[in-house]
Structures are given as structure tokens and as C-alpha cells.
Amino acid sequence: MRNRNIKLNVFLSVREHDLLIEKTNKVRLTQSDFIRKLINDYKYESNPQIDIDTIIKSVINDLSKINEYMHRWGYTEFENLLNRDINDLNKLLNEKDNVK
């Protein structure tokens, strides 16, 4: 005897169907299992953990390059603003490292 005896028909758009297939492939579940787990408040990680330190370092690097180019092109009035932002981000990184 079947444990689950209620059949459910669902209409999806092409986009929704593609998303369902993509997400079920990511978590390696059948579509039925995926929907059952969603109904039962299943939580899954669709996005990998973001490393905030790497993002901050990338922003610092980009701001430093912008500052260098702007100085070279003669836009020195923005140099102090960019240097302050770069210093603030470096302080944030250092404080975060000290807390660990």
C-alpha cells in the first residue's frame, strides 16, 4: 500500500520548470522529494558561503587603482576621499582580524 496516495498536478511556466530542474539537480533530489522537503520546511544552501574578507580586499584594490588613475589624470580633489575610504576598509579588515 502506498504511503502517499494524494496526487497533485501543478502547472508551471517554462522558467519555473527550468528553475525546478536546476534546483533539484543542485541538491540531487527528485522533483517530488524536493517539493516534499520544501513543504516540510527543508532548508538548503543554494549559494556558497561568501568570504567577506575577499570582497573587501577586492574593493580596496579597485579603489586604489581608481585613485591612481584619477591622480594621473589630474583629478586630485578626489584623492583624499578615496584614501579615506581605503583606510576605513583596511581598518575594518584589521579590526575583524583582531576579533578572531
Protein backbone atom coordinates (compact mmCIF):
# COMPACT_ATOMS: atom_id res chain seq x y z
CA MET A 1 0.00 0.00 0.00
CA ARG A 2 1.26 3.47 -0.88
CA ASN A 3 2.13 5.82 1.91
CA ARG A 4 1.42 8.84 -0.28
CA ASN A 5 -1.85 8.47 -2.10
CA ILE A 6 -2.74 12.06 -2.99
CA LYS A 7 -1.73 13.08 -6.49
CA LEU A 8 -1.02 16.75 -7.11
CA ASN A 9 -0.99 18.38 -10.54
CA VAL A 10 0.90 21.64 -10.81
CA PHE A 11 1.16 23.98 -13.76
CA LEU A 12 4.47 25.79 -14.20
CA SER A 13 5.81 28.26 -16.70
CA VAL A 14 8.86 27.27 -18.73
CA ARG A 15 11.01 29.48 -16.50
CA GLU A 16 9.62 27.94 -13.30
CA HIS A 17 10.13 24.44 -14.66
CA ASP A 18 13.73 25.25 -15.61
CA LEU A 19 14.32 26.60 -12.09
CA LEU A 20 12.82 23.48 -10.56
CA ILE A 21 15.09 21.26 -12.63
CA GLU A 22 18.14 23.42 -11.85
CA LYS A 23 17.48 23.42 -8.10
CA THR A 24 16.69 19.72 -7.90
CA ASN A 25 19.92 18.96 -9.74
CA LYS A 26 21.87 21.17 -7.33
CA VAL A 27 20.61 19.36 -4.26
CA ARG A 28 20.44 15.97 -6.02
CA LEU A 29 16.82 15.22 -5.23
CA THR A 30 13.90 14.13 -7.37
CA GLN A 31 11.33 16.82 -8.05
CA SER A 32 8.85 15.05 -5.77
CA ASP A 33 11.36 14.78 -2.91
CA PHE A 34 12.38 18.39 -3.39
CA ILE A 35 8.78 19.63 -3.15
CA ARG A 36 8.09 17.42 -0.12
CA LYS A 37 11.13 18.79 1.66
CA LEU A 38 10.09 22.36 0.85
CA ILE A 39 6.68 21.67 2.30
CA ASN A 40 8.33 20.31 5.45
CA ASP A 41 10.46 23.48 5.80
CA TYR A 42 13.58 21.95 4.36
CA LYS A 43 16.41 24.48 4.20
CA TYR A 44 19.15 24.12 1.64
CA GLU A 45 22.12 26.27 0.79
CA SER A 46 21.75 27.41 -2.79
CA ASN A 47 24.60 29.91 -2.54
CA PRO A 48 28.09 29.10 -1.38
CA GLN A 49 29.35 30.95 1.68
CA ILE A 50 30.64 34.41 0.74
CA ASP A 51 34.05 35.38 2.06
CA ILE A 52 33.62 38.99 3.12
CA ASP A 53 37.37 39.50 3.57
CA THR A 54 37.99 38.66 -0.07
CA ILE A 55 35.28 41.07 -1.18
CA ILE A 56 36.68 43.89 0.98
CA LYS A 57 40.21 43.27 -0.31
CA SER A 58 38.91 43.37 -3.88
CA VAL A 59 37.13 46.67 -3.22
CA ILE A 60 40.30 48.12 -1.64
CA ASN A 61 42.29 47.02 -4.68
CA ASP A 62 39.76 48.56 -7.09
CA LEU A 63 39.62 51.84 -5.14
CA SER A 64 43.42 52.02 -5.11
CA LYS A 65 43.52 51.60 -8.89
CA ILE A 66 40.83 54.25 -9.37
CA ASN A 67 42.75 56.59 -7.08
CA GLU A 68 45.96 56.01 -9.04
CA TYR A 69 44.29 56.70 -12.40
CA MET A 70 42.45 59.77 -11.14
CA HIS A 71 45.69 61.18 -9.72
CA ARG A 72 47.42 60.52 -13.03
CA TRP A 73 44.61 62.31 -14.92
CA GLY A 74 44.79 65.29 -12.59
CA TYR A 75 41.63 64.71 -10.54
CA THR A 76 43.40 65.23 -7.24
CA GLU A 77 40.34 66.62 -5.45
CA PHE A 78 39.02 63.06 -5.09
CA GLU A 79 42.29 61.65 -3.81
CA ASN A 80 41.61 62.41 -0.13
CA LEU A 81 38.11 60.93 -0.32
CA LEU A 82 39.34 57.70 -1.91
CA ASN A 83 42.28 57.43 0.50
CA ARG A 84 39.91 57.84 3.44
CA ASP A 85 37.64 55.08 2.10
CA ILE A 86 40.62 52.79 1.51
CA ASN A 87 41.90 53.44 5.04
CA ASP A 88 38.46 52.82 6.54
CA LEU A 89 38.18 49.49 4.75
CA ASN A 90 41.69 48.49 5.86
CA LYS A 91 40.77 49.37 9.46
CA LEU A 92 37.63 47.25 9.14
CA LEU A 93 39.69 44.29 7.96
CA ASN A 94 42.24 44.75 10.74
CA GLU A 95 39.54 45.00 13.42
CA LYS A 96 37.87 41.88 12.06
CA ASP A 97 41.18 40.00 12.18
CA ASN A 98 41.79 41.14 15.76
CA VAL A 99 38.36 39.89 16.87
CA LYS A 100 39.09 36.37 15.53
